Amino acid sequence: MRSLRTPLIAAVAAGIALAGLTGCSSDAVKQATDLGSSVASTVADGVAGIDGKAIQDGMSSVAGGIDGALDTALKGANVTSDGKVPDGFPSTDVPLVDGTVLGGGAGPNGSGWVVQVRAGSVDDFAAAAQQLADAGYTESAKRADSSSAFGMFRSDAYRVVLTFSDGSDGVTATYIVTPR
């Protein structure tokens, strides 16, 4: 049975980071990002010995929370699936993994951006993490398995939460970017 622990960690941390896109100050976004990392670690410890239906039920609940957080964070933003990064996305500062850009959205008042890219495989997460490192980002958390990956990265200007997930349509890389 494949491990469901990593997707749960990624989902919780990404949900909390998304909540930080609601126009908060950079200190509030930092606190949300730090809290996400802390919660992810606590959840990982709590589910270490749990498997089966309990985890699947928990994953469904967390996924619903992320959808709600994304809706809240980007309320009023034009979230697209037009194959373009959203207006204002710092493309020169945040390198995207090779693949097809699916679309994204922008939070209000430059509070952050979300971009999704169709990647070749979950293994491409390593290349995406290296691209961020080469661009001056420091990794603060990273987890990966055969079906998903999650990482948190910081530069002087931005925070990036990066998730890779293998779904029915292929592997999707999601970049959640907030200014520092």
Protein backbone atom coordinates (compact mmCIF):
# COMPACT_ATOMS: atom_id res chain seq x y z
CA MET A 1 0.00 0.00 0.00
CA ARG A 2 1.41 3.41 -0.92
CA SER A 3 1.96 5.93 1.84
CA LEU A 4 -0.82 8.47 2.29
CA ARG A 5 1.16 10.39 4.91
CA THR A 6 2.96 12.69 2.47
CA PRO A 7 -0.19 13.84 0.61
CA LEU A 8 -1.81 14.60 3.96
CA ILE A 9 1.18 16.70 5.04
CA ALA A 10 1.15 18.54 1.72
CA ALA A 11 -2.58 19.13 1.86
CA VAL A 12 -2.57 20.56 5.38
CA ALA A 13 0.42 22.83 4.78
CA ALA A 14 -0.87 24.01 1.40
CA GLY A 15 -4.28 24.78 2.86
CA ILE A 16 -2.79 26.91 5.60
CA ALA A 17 -0.46 28.67 3.17
CA LEU A 18 -3.39 29.41 0.85
CA ALA A 19 -5.20 31.08 3.70
CA GLY A 20 -2.28 33.54 3.82
CA LEU A 21 -3.15 34.88 0.36
CA THR A 22 -6.13 36.84 1.68
CA GLY A 23 -4.35 40.19 1.66
CA CYS A 24 -2.56 39.76 4.99
CA SER A 25 0.66 41.52 5.86
CA SER A 26 3.93 39.77 5.17
CA ASP A 27 4.23 38.97 8.91
CA ALA A 28 0.82 37.29 8.86
CA VAL A 29 1.77 35.30 5.76
CA LYS A 30 5.04 34.24 7.45
CA GLN A 31 3.09 33.13 10.52
CA ALA A 32 0.67 31.15 8.35
CA THR A 33 3.54 29.50 6.47
CA ASP A 34 5.37 28.67 9.71
CA LEU A 35 2.16 27.36 11.25
CA GLY A 36 1.59 25.21 8.17
CA SER A 37 4.99 23.62 8.59
CA SER A 38 4.34 22.99 12.28
CA VAL A 39 0.88 21.52 11.67
CA ALA A 40 2.25 19.31 8.88
CA SER A 41 4.88 17.88 11.22
CA THR A 42 2.32 17.30 13.96
CA VAL A 43 -0.07 15.60 11.54
CA ALA A 44 2.75 13.40 10.22
CA ASP A 45 3.54 12.24 13.75
CA GLY A 46 -0.14 11.64 14.49
CA VAL A 47 -0.84 9.48 11.45
CA ALA A 48 2.36 7.44 11.48
CA GLY A 49 0.57 4.30 12.71
CA ILE A 50 -2.80 4.81 11.01
CA ASP A 51 -3.81 3.31 7.68
CA GLY A 52 -6.80 2.31 5.59
CA LYS A 53 -10.20 3.94 5.57
CA ALA A 54 -9.46 6.42 8.38
CA ILE A 55 -6.72 8.08 6.31
CA GLN A 56 -8.85 8.06 3.15
CA ASP A 57 -11.69 9.75 5.03
CA GLY A 58 -9.27 12.29 6.50
CA MET A 59 -7.79 13.01 3.07
CA SER A 60 -11.26 13.72 1.66
CA SER A 61 -11.95 16.14 4.48
CA VAL A 62 -8.62 17.95 4.05
CA ALA A 63 -9.10 18.18 0.27
CA GLY A 64 -12.44 19.91 0.84
CA GLY A 65 -10.74 22.36 3.21
CA ILE A 66 -8.10 23.22 0.62
CA ASP A 67 -10.76 23.88 -2.01
CA GLY A 68 -12.49 26.21 0.45
CA ALA A 69 -9.24 27.96 1.36
CA LEU A 70 -8.40 28.47 -2.31
CA ASP A 71 -11.84 29.96 -2.94
CA THR A 72 -11.45 32.27 0.06
CA ALA A 73 -7.88 33.29 -0.75
CA LEU A 74 -8.59 34.13 -4.36
CA LYS A 75 -12.09 35.56 -3.91
CA GLY A 76 -12.69 38.08 -6.63
CA ALA A 77 -9.64 36.94 -8.60
CA ASN A 78 -9.91 35.60 -12.10
CA VAL A 79 -8.76 31.98 -11.71
CA THR A 80 -8.19 30.63 -15.19
CA SER A 81 -7.44 27.42 -16.99
CA ASP A 82 -6.30 29.31 -20.08
CA GLY A 83 -2.72 28.04 -20.12
CA LYS A 84 -1.24 31.32 -18.84
CA VAL A 85 0.30 32.43 -15.59
CA PRO A 86 -1.80 35.09 -13.83
CA ASP A 87 -1.09 38.79 -14.29
CA GLY A 88 1.66 40.02 -12.01
CA PHE A 89 3.17 36.55 -11.41
CA PRO A 90 6.92 37.01 -10.76
CA SER A 91 8.06 34.73 -13.59
CA THR A 92 11.65 35.97 -13.54
CA ASP A 93 11.96 35.23 -9.80
CA VAL A 94 9.95 31.99 -9.58
CA PRO A 95 11.06 29.39 -12.13
CA LEU A 96 8.39 26.87 -13.13
CA VAL A 97 9.06 23.20 -13.81
CA ASP A 98 9.10 22.11 -17.45
CA GLY A 99 5.60 21.25 -18.59
CA THR A 100 2.39 22.82 -19.79
CA VAL A 101 1.04 25.77 -17.80
CA LEU A 102 -2.60 25.01 -17.05
CA GLY A 103 -3.51 28.39 -15.58
CA GLY A 104 -3.77 30.07 -12.21
CA GLY A 105 -5.01 33.03 -10.27
CA ALA A 106 -3.92 36.06 -8.30
CA GLY A 107 -4.88 37.16 -4.82
CA PRO A 108 -6.09 40.70 -4.25
CA ASN A 109 -3.61 43.59 -4.13
CA GLY A 110 -0.55 41.51 -5.07
CA SER A 111 -0.99 39.27 -2.01
CA GLY A 112 -0.01 36.14 -3.94
CA TRP A 113 -0.44 33.87 -6.93
CA VAL A 114 -1.26 30.27 -7.74
CA VAL A 115 0.02 28.59 -10.91
CA GLN A 116 -0.58 25.01 -12.01
CA VAL A 117 1.66 23.17 -14.46
CA ARG A 118 1.12 19.73 -16.01
CA ALA A 119 4.41 17.98 -15.27
CA GLY A 120 5.80 14.73 -16.68
CA SER A 121 5.98 12.87 -13.37
CA VAL A 122 6.14 13.33 -9.62
CA ASP A 123 9.88 12.73 -9.98
CA ASP A 124 10.07 16.17 -11.66
CA PHE A 125 9.62 17.65 -8.18
CA ALA A 126 13.38 17.21 -7.63
CA ALA A 127 14.10 19.30 -10.74
CA ALA A 128 11.60 21.98 -9.64
CA ALA A 129 13.18 22.13 -6.18
CA GLN A 130 16.63 22.45 -7.77
CA GLN A 131 15.40 25.27 -10.04
CA LEU A 132 14.20 27.16 -6.97
CA ALA A 133 17.51 26.52 -5.17
CA ASP A 134 19.42 27.78 -8.23
CA ALA A 135 17.24 30.93 -8.16
CA GLY A 136 18.28 31.65 -4.56
CA TYR A 137 15.54 29.89 -2.58
CA THR A 138 16.19 28.07 0.66
CA GLU A 139 14.24 24.90 1.35
CA SER A 140 12.47 24.84 4.72
CA ALA A 141 10.49 21.62 4.30
CA LYS A 142 10.32 18.85 1.73
CA ARG A 143 8.59 15.47 1.48
CA ALA A 144 8.10 13.19 -1.53
CA ASP A 145 6.91 9.71 -2.43
CA SER A 146 5.88 8.01 -5.67
CA SER A 147 2.50 9.76 -5.97
CA SER A 148 3.01 13.21 -4.44
CA ALA A 149 5.56 15.74 -3.27
CA PHE A 150 5.54 18.87 -1.17
CA GLY A 151 8.07 21.60 -0.44
CA MET A 152 8.31 25.04 1.13
CA PHE A 153 10.93 27.46 -0.17
CA ARG A 154 11.97 31.03 0.70
CA SER A 155 13.96 33.74 -0.99
CA ASP A 156 14.49 37.34 0.09
CA ALA A 157 11.43 38.35 -1.93
CA TYR A 158 9.02 35.35 -1.98
CA ARG A 159 7.75 32.23 -0.27
CA VAL A 160 6.80 29.28 -2.45
CA VAL A 161 4.72 26.28 -1.45
CA LEU A 162 5.12 23.66 -4.15
CA THR A 163 3.03 20.50 -4.43
CA PHE A 164 3.07 17.74 -7.02
CA SER A 165 0.18 15.29 -7.18
CA ASP A 166 -0.55 12.39 -9.47
CA GLY A 167 -4.22 12.42 -10.47
CA SER A 168 -6.44 10.96 -13.14
CA ASP A 169 -5.43 13.72 -15.61
CA GLY A 170 -1.70 13.34 -14.94
CA VAL A 171 0.76 15.00 -12.61
CA THR A 172 -0.05 18.56 -11.55
CA ALA A 173 2.53 20.89 -10.01
CA THR A 174 0.92 23.67 -8.01
CA TYR A 175 2.95 26.74 -7.07
CA ILE A 176 1.57 28.97 -4.31
CA VAL A 177 3.67 32.15 -4.21
CA THR A 178 3.43 34.97 -1.66
CA PRO A 179 5.64 38.03 -1.25
CA ARG A 180 7.73 38.26 1.93
